[in-house]
Every structure is written in structure tokens, then in C-alpha cells.
C-alpha atoms as a PDB file:
ATOM      1  CA  UNK A   1      45.314 -33.397 -56.852  1.00  0.00           C
ATOM      2  CA  UNK A   2      45.449 -30.084 -55.100  1.00  0.00           C
ATOM      3  CA  UNK A   3      48.542 -29.208 -57.110  1.00  0.00           C
ATOM      4  CA  UNK A   4      46.499 -29.038 -60.281  1.00  0.00           C
ATOM      5  CA  UNK A   5      44.694 -25.902 -58.984  1.00  0.00           C
ATOM      6  CA  UNK A   6      47.839 -24.059 -58.174  1.00  0.00           C
ATOM      7  CA  UNK A   7      49.652 -21.664 -60.467  1.00  0.00           C
ATOM      8  CA  UNK A   8      52.858 -23.264 -61.915  1.00  0.00           C
ATOM      9  CA  UNK A   9      54.486 -19.754 -61.880  1.00  0.00           C
ATOM     10  CA  UNK A  10      54.247 -19.493 -58.044  1.00  0.00           C
ATOM     11  CA  UNK A  11      57.520 -19.620 -56.180  1.00  0.00           C
ATOM     12  CA  UNK A  12      56.262 -22.654 -54.211  1.00  0.00           C
ATOM     13  CA  UNK A  13      55.865 -24.546 -57.460  1.00  0.00           C
ATOM     14  CA  UNK A  14      59.466 -23.982 -58.680  1.00  0.00           C
ATOM     15  CA  UNK A  15      61.548 -27.094 -58.646  1.00  0.00           C
ATOM     16  CA  UNK A  16      64.344 -27.416 -56.045  1.00  0.00           C
ATOM     17  CA  UNK A  17      67.950 -28.351 -56.882  1.00  0.00           C
ATOM     18  CA  UNK A  18      70.547 -28.978 -54.134  1.00  0.00           C
ATOM     19  CA  UNK A  19      74.199 -29.200 -54.956  1.00  0.00           C
ATOM     20  CA  UNK A  20      74.234 -32.809 -53.589  1.00  0.00           C
ATOM     21  CA  UNK A  21      72.064 -33.797 -56.621  1.00  0.00           C
ATOM     22  CA  UNK A  22      74.858 -33.306 -58.997  1.00  0.00           C
ATOM     23  CA  UNK A  23      77.892 -34.004 -56.756  1.00  0.00           C
ATOM     24  CA  UNK A  24      80.063 -36.755 -58.103  1.00  0.00           C
ATOM     25  CA  UNK A  25      81.548 -37.306 -54.616  1.00  0.00           C
ATOM     26  CA  UNK A  26      78.118 -38.373 -53.278  1.00  0.00           C
ATOM     27  CA  UNK A  27      76.482 -41.763 -53.689  1.00  0.00           C
ATOM     28  CA  UNK A  28      72.911 -42.320 -54.712  1.00  0.00           C
ATOM     29  CA  UNK A  29      72.087 -42.959 -51.056  1.00  0.00           C
ATOM     30  CA  UNK A  30      73.649 -39.604 -50.091  1.00  0.00           C
ATOM     31  CA  UNK A  31      71.460 -37.773 -52.620  1.00  0.00           C
ATOM     32  CA  UNK A  32      73.132 -37.877 -56.088  1.00  0.00           C
ATOM     33  CA  UNK A  33      70.471 -37.999 -58.815  1.00  0.00           C
ATOM     34  CA  UNK A  34      72.487 -38.126 -62.030  1.00  0.00           C
ATOM     35  CA  UNK A  35      75.108 -40.692 -63.142  1.00  0.00           C
ATOM     36  CA  UNK A  36      78.682 -40.301 -61.700  1.00  0.00           C
ATOM     37  CA  UNK A  37      80.244 -39.841 -65.159  1.00  0.00           C
ATOM     38  CA  UNK A  38      78.049 -36.809 -65.790  1.00  0.00           C
ATOM     39  CA  UNK A  39      78.230 -35.322 -62.253  1.00  0.00           C
ATOM     40  CA  UNK A  40      80.511 -32.577 -61.008  1.00  0.00           C
ATOM     41  CA  UNK A  41      82.952 -32.663 -58.229  1.00  0.00           C
ATOM     42  CA  UNK A  42      81.717 -30.581 -55.246  1.00  0.00           C
ATOM     43  CA  UNK A  43      79.453 -27.982 -56.908  1.00  0.00           C
ATOM     44  CA  UNK A  44      78.226 -24.986 -54.939  1.00  0.00           C
ATOM     45  CA  UNK A  45      74.882 -23.282 -54.989  1.00  0.00           C
ATOM     46  CA  UNK A  46      76.705 -20.165 -56.440  1.00  0.00           C
ATOM     47  CA  UNK A  47      77.912 -22.094 -59.514  1.00  0.00           C
ATOM     48  CA  UNK A  48      74.446 -23.557 -60.002  1.00  0.00           C
ATOM     49  CA  UNK A  49      72.790 -20.104 -59.791  1.00  0.00           C
ATOM     50  CA  UNK A  50      75.414 -18.546 -62.213  1.00  0.00           C
ATOM     51  CA  UNK A  51      74.927 -21.267 -64.789  1.00  0.00           C
ATOM     52  CA  UNK A  52      71.078 -21.128 -64.671  1.00  0.00           C
ATOM     53  CA  UNK A  53      70.914 -17.383 -64.808  1.00  0.00           C
ATOM     54  CA  UNK A  54      73.218 -17.263 -67.784  1.00  0.00           C
ATOM     55  CA  UNK A  55      70.892 -19.746 -69.467  1.00  0.00           C
ATOM     56  CA  UNK A  56      67.952 -17.343 -68.859  1.00  0.00           C
ATOM     57  CA  UNK A  57      66.170 -19.309 -66.186  1.00  0.00           C
ATOM     58  CA  UNK A  58      64.235 -17.663 -63.391  1.00  0.00           C
ATOM     59  CA  UNK A  59      66.159 -18.580 -60.195  1.00  0.00           C
ATOM     60  CA  UNK A  60      65.662 -18.104 -56.524  1.00  0.00           C
ATOM     61  CA  UNK A  61      68.373 -18.924 -53.941  1.00  0.00           C
ATOM     62  CA  UNK A  62      67.372 -20.092 -50.518  1.00  0.00           C
ATOM     63  CA  UNK A  63      69.561 -20.600 -47.382  1.00  0.00           C
ATOM     64  CA  UNK A  64      68.484 -24.189 -46.816  1.00  0.00           C
ATOM     65  CA  UNK A  65      70.523 -27.443 -46.074  1.00  0.00           C
ATOM     66  CA  UNK A  66      69.876 -30.670 -47.786  1.00  0.00           C
ATOM     67  CA  UNK A  67      68.437 -33.028 -45.269  1.00  0.00           C
ATOM     68  CA  UNK A  68      70.830 -35.958 -46.056  1.00  0.00           C
ATOM     69  CA  UNK A  69      73.860 -33.655 -45.735  1.00  0.00           C
ATOM     70  CA  UNK A  70      75.687 -34.554 -42.516  1.00  0.00           C
ATOM     71  CA  UNK A  71      78.199 -31.717 -42.883  1.00  0.00           C
ATOM     72  CA  UNK A  72      76.679 -28.463 -41.583  1.00  0.00           C
ATOM     73  CA  UNK A  73      79.420 -26.136 -43.064  1.00  0.00           C
ATOM     74  CA  UNK A  74      78.404 -23.090 -44.966  1.00  0.00           C
ATOM     75  CA  UNK A  75      79.868 -24.348 -48.216  1.00  0.00           C
ATOM     76  CA  UNK A  76      77.260 -27.145 -48.241  1.00  0.00           C
ATOM     77  CA  UNK A  77      74.285 -24.864 -47.646  1.00  0.00           C
ATOM     78  CA  UNK A  78      72.004 -23.432 -50.458  1.00  0.00           C
ATOM     79  CA  UNK A  79      69.023 -24.585 -52.345  1.00  0.00           C
ATOM     80  CA  UNK A  80      68.228 -23.342 -55.811  1.00  0.00           C
ATOM     81  CA  UNK A  81      64.590 -22.972 -56.959  1.00  0.00           C
ATOM     82  CA  UNK A  82      64.070 -22.943 -60.798  1.00  0.00           C
ATOM     83  CA  UNK A  83      60.919 -22.038 -62.640  1.00  0.00           C
ATOM     84  CA  UNK A  84      60.025 -24.874 -64.959  1.00  0.00           C
ATOM     85  CA  UNK A  85      56.657 -23.678 -66.246  1.00  0.00           C
ATOM     86  CA  UNK A  86      54.848 -20.408 -66.960  1.00  0.00           C
ATOM     87  CA  UNK A  87      51.368 -19.432 -65.710  1.00  0.00           C
ATOM     88  CA  UNK A  88      49.670 -21.018 -68.727  1.00  0.00           C
ATOM     89  CA  UNK A  89      51.482 -24.359 -68.100  1.00  0.00           C
ATOM     90  CA  UNK A  90      53.856 -24.055 -70.995  1.00  0.00           C
ATOM     91  CA  UNK A  91      57.601 -24.486 -70.505  1.00  0.00           C
ATOM     92  CA  UNK A  92      59.504 -21.440 -69.242  1.00  0.00           C
ATOM     93  CA  UNK A  93      62.590 -22.491 -71.282  1.00  0.00           C
ATOM     94  CA  UNK A  94      62.201 -24.906 -74.160  1.00  0.00           C
ATOM     95  CA  UNK A  95      65.562 -26.615 -73.383  1.00  0.00           C
ATOM     96  CA  UNK A  96      64.493 -27.468 -69.825  1.00  0.00           C
ATOM     97  CA  UNK A  97      61.479 -29.860 -70.012  1.00  0.00           C
ATOM     98  CA  UNK A  98      62.131 -31.620 -66.742  1.00  0.00           C
ATOM     99  CA  UNK A  99      64.162 -31.492 -63.529  1.00  0.00           C
ATOM    100  CA  UNK A 100      66.644 -34.006 -64.837  1.00  0.00           C
ATOM    101  CA  UNK A 101      67.265 -31.782 -67.965  1.00  0.00           C
ATOM    102  CA  UNK A 102      68.210 -28.923 -65.730  1.00  0.00           C
ATOM    103  CA  UNK A 103      70.514 -31.068 -63.549  1.00  0.00           C
ATOM    104  CA  UNK A 104      72.299 -32.501 -66.491  1.00  0.00           C
ATOM    105  CA  UNK A 105      72.681 -29.097 -68.112  1.00  0.00           C
ATOM    106  CA  UNK A 106      74.093 -27.683 -64.952  1.00  0.00           C
ATOM    107  CA  UNK A 107      76.536 -30.550 -64.352  1.00  0.00           C
ATOM    108  CA  UNK A 108      77.703 -30.248 -68.006  1.00  0.00           C
ATOM    109  CA  UNK A 109      78.222 -26.469 -67.755  1.00  0.00           C
ATOM    110  CA  UNK A 110      79.786 -25.965 -64.385  1.00  0.00           C
ATOM    111  CA  UNK A 111      83.214 -27.378 -65.382  1.00  0.00           C
ATOM    112  CA  UNK A 112      83.330 -24.816 -68.167  1.00  0.00           C
ATOM    113  CA  UNK A 113      83.045 -21.825 -65.739  1.00  0.00           C
ATOM    114  CA  UNK A 114      86.077 -19.469 -65.454  1.00  0.00           C
ATOM    115  CA  UNK A 115      86.333 -20.125 -61.681  1.00  0.00           C
ATOM    116  CA  UNK A 116      86.811 -23.808 -62.388  1.00  0.00           C
ATOM    117  CA  UNK A 117      89.172 -23.544 -65.259  1.00  0.00           C
ATOM    118  CA  UNK A 118      91.370 -20.897 -63.478  1.00  0.00           C
ATOM    119  CA  UNK A 119      91.697 -23.128 -60.443  1.00  0.00           C
ATOM    120  CA  UNK A 120      92.984 -26.144 -62.391  1.00  0.00           C
ATOM    121  CA  UNK A 121      95.218 -23.897 -64.593  1.00  0.00           C
ATOM    122  CA  UNK A 122      96.754 -22.236 -61.514  1.00  0.00           C
ATOM    123  CA  UNK A 123      97.541 -25.604 -59.962  1.00  0.00           C
ATOM    124  CA  UNK A 124      99.409 -26.765 -63.093  1.00  0.00           C
ATOM    125  CA  UNK A 125     101.512 -23.691 -63.128  1.00  0.00           C
ATOM    126  CA  UNK A 126     102.499 -24.110 -59.501  1.00  0.00           C
ATOM    127  CA  UNK A 127     103.448 -27.750 -60.119  1.00  0.00           C
ATOM    128  CA  UNK A 128     105.700 -26.697 -63.068  1.00  0.00           C
ATOM    129  CA  UNK A 129     107.404 -24.004 -60.895  1.00  0.00           C
ATOM    130  CA  UNK A 130     108.025 -26.596 -58.148  1.00  0.00           C
ATOM    131  CA  UNK A 131     109.680 -28.969 -60.651  1.00  0.00           C
ATOM    132  CA  UNK A 132     111.884 -26.214 -61.868  1.00  0.00           C
ATOM    133  CA  UNK A 133     113.023 -25.489 -58.354  1.00  0.00           C
ATOM    134  CA  UNK A 134     113.892 -29.178 -57.838  1.00  0.00           C
ATOM    135  CA  UNK A 135     116.019 -29.171 -60.915  1.00  0.00           C
ATOM    136  CA  UNK A 136     117.872 -26.066 -59.749  1.00  0.00           C
ATOM    137  CA  UNK A 137     118.739 -27.821 -56.476  1.00  0.00           C
ATOM    138  CA  UNK A 138     120.187 -30.829 -58.254  1.00  0.00           C
ATOM    139  CA  UNK A 139     122.483 -28.633 -60.324  1.00  0.00           C
ATOM    140  CA  UNK A 140     123.881 -26.947 -57.253  1.00  0.00           C
ATOM    141  CA  UNK A 141     124.891 -30.239 -55.714  1.00  0.00           C
END
């Protein structure tokens, strides 16, 4: 019950979100906390931070590694702390009433980021160019 005496606006009281929580490539045993159909493929802490700051949330980035993560690469590092409540105990943002609300919002918004849409768009253009080259080779024969 010691947590009742602490200020909800303290940085230690912010909720933690690791990219593994919303990663569709992870199993529940590996740390995924939302359904696969709502999860995102390999999110990064940078994408999570960008989405939450755009929504107006108070966000802190920490250089921590999720304990269940076996891969120690830099791309899997990063923990995001998000303020859920103000000093008086009321919600910081009305749209985020719980940790799960934040995770679902982030997972829904990350695929709409420019970096995600440009990567998929660029891959489609390259595939079309490759097909065009193949057609040209057939004509030469």
C-alpha cells in the first residue's frame, strides 16, 4: 500500500512500455501483451515515442532492455515511460485510461507513420522496376 502515498506524477510512477509488448512477431511467452491481429511487426522505441508525443503524452525514453529479450542488439533496446495520471490522480490524457489503452493506440498508429508507409511504397516500386527489366530481357531474346 506504499504506492498510495506516492505522487502519481513522479517519473517512477509512469507506466513502462517495451516494444516487445506490441510486437506481432513475439508470442505471449516472449512478452507480447496485445492480440496478434492488433500488434505491429517489429516496432522500435523511436516509433512508440513519436506516436505518443504526437498524441500529447508526457514521455521519457530510457536505454533499458526488456528482460525476456534474448537478442542484445541496439534495435531491441529502449523502454518508454508514459505519464498516466496527474498529481491530483486524474488522467493525464482522457483517451488513455489504462496501460492497455496506450498499447492499443500505439499499435494502431505506428503503421500509419511516414517511415512505415514509405518503406512499403519503396519496396513496391523496386519490384515493379525489376519486373520491367525482366520483360526487356525476354524481348531481346
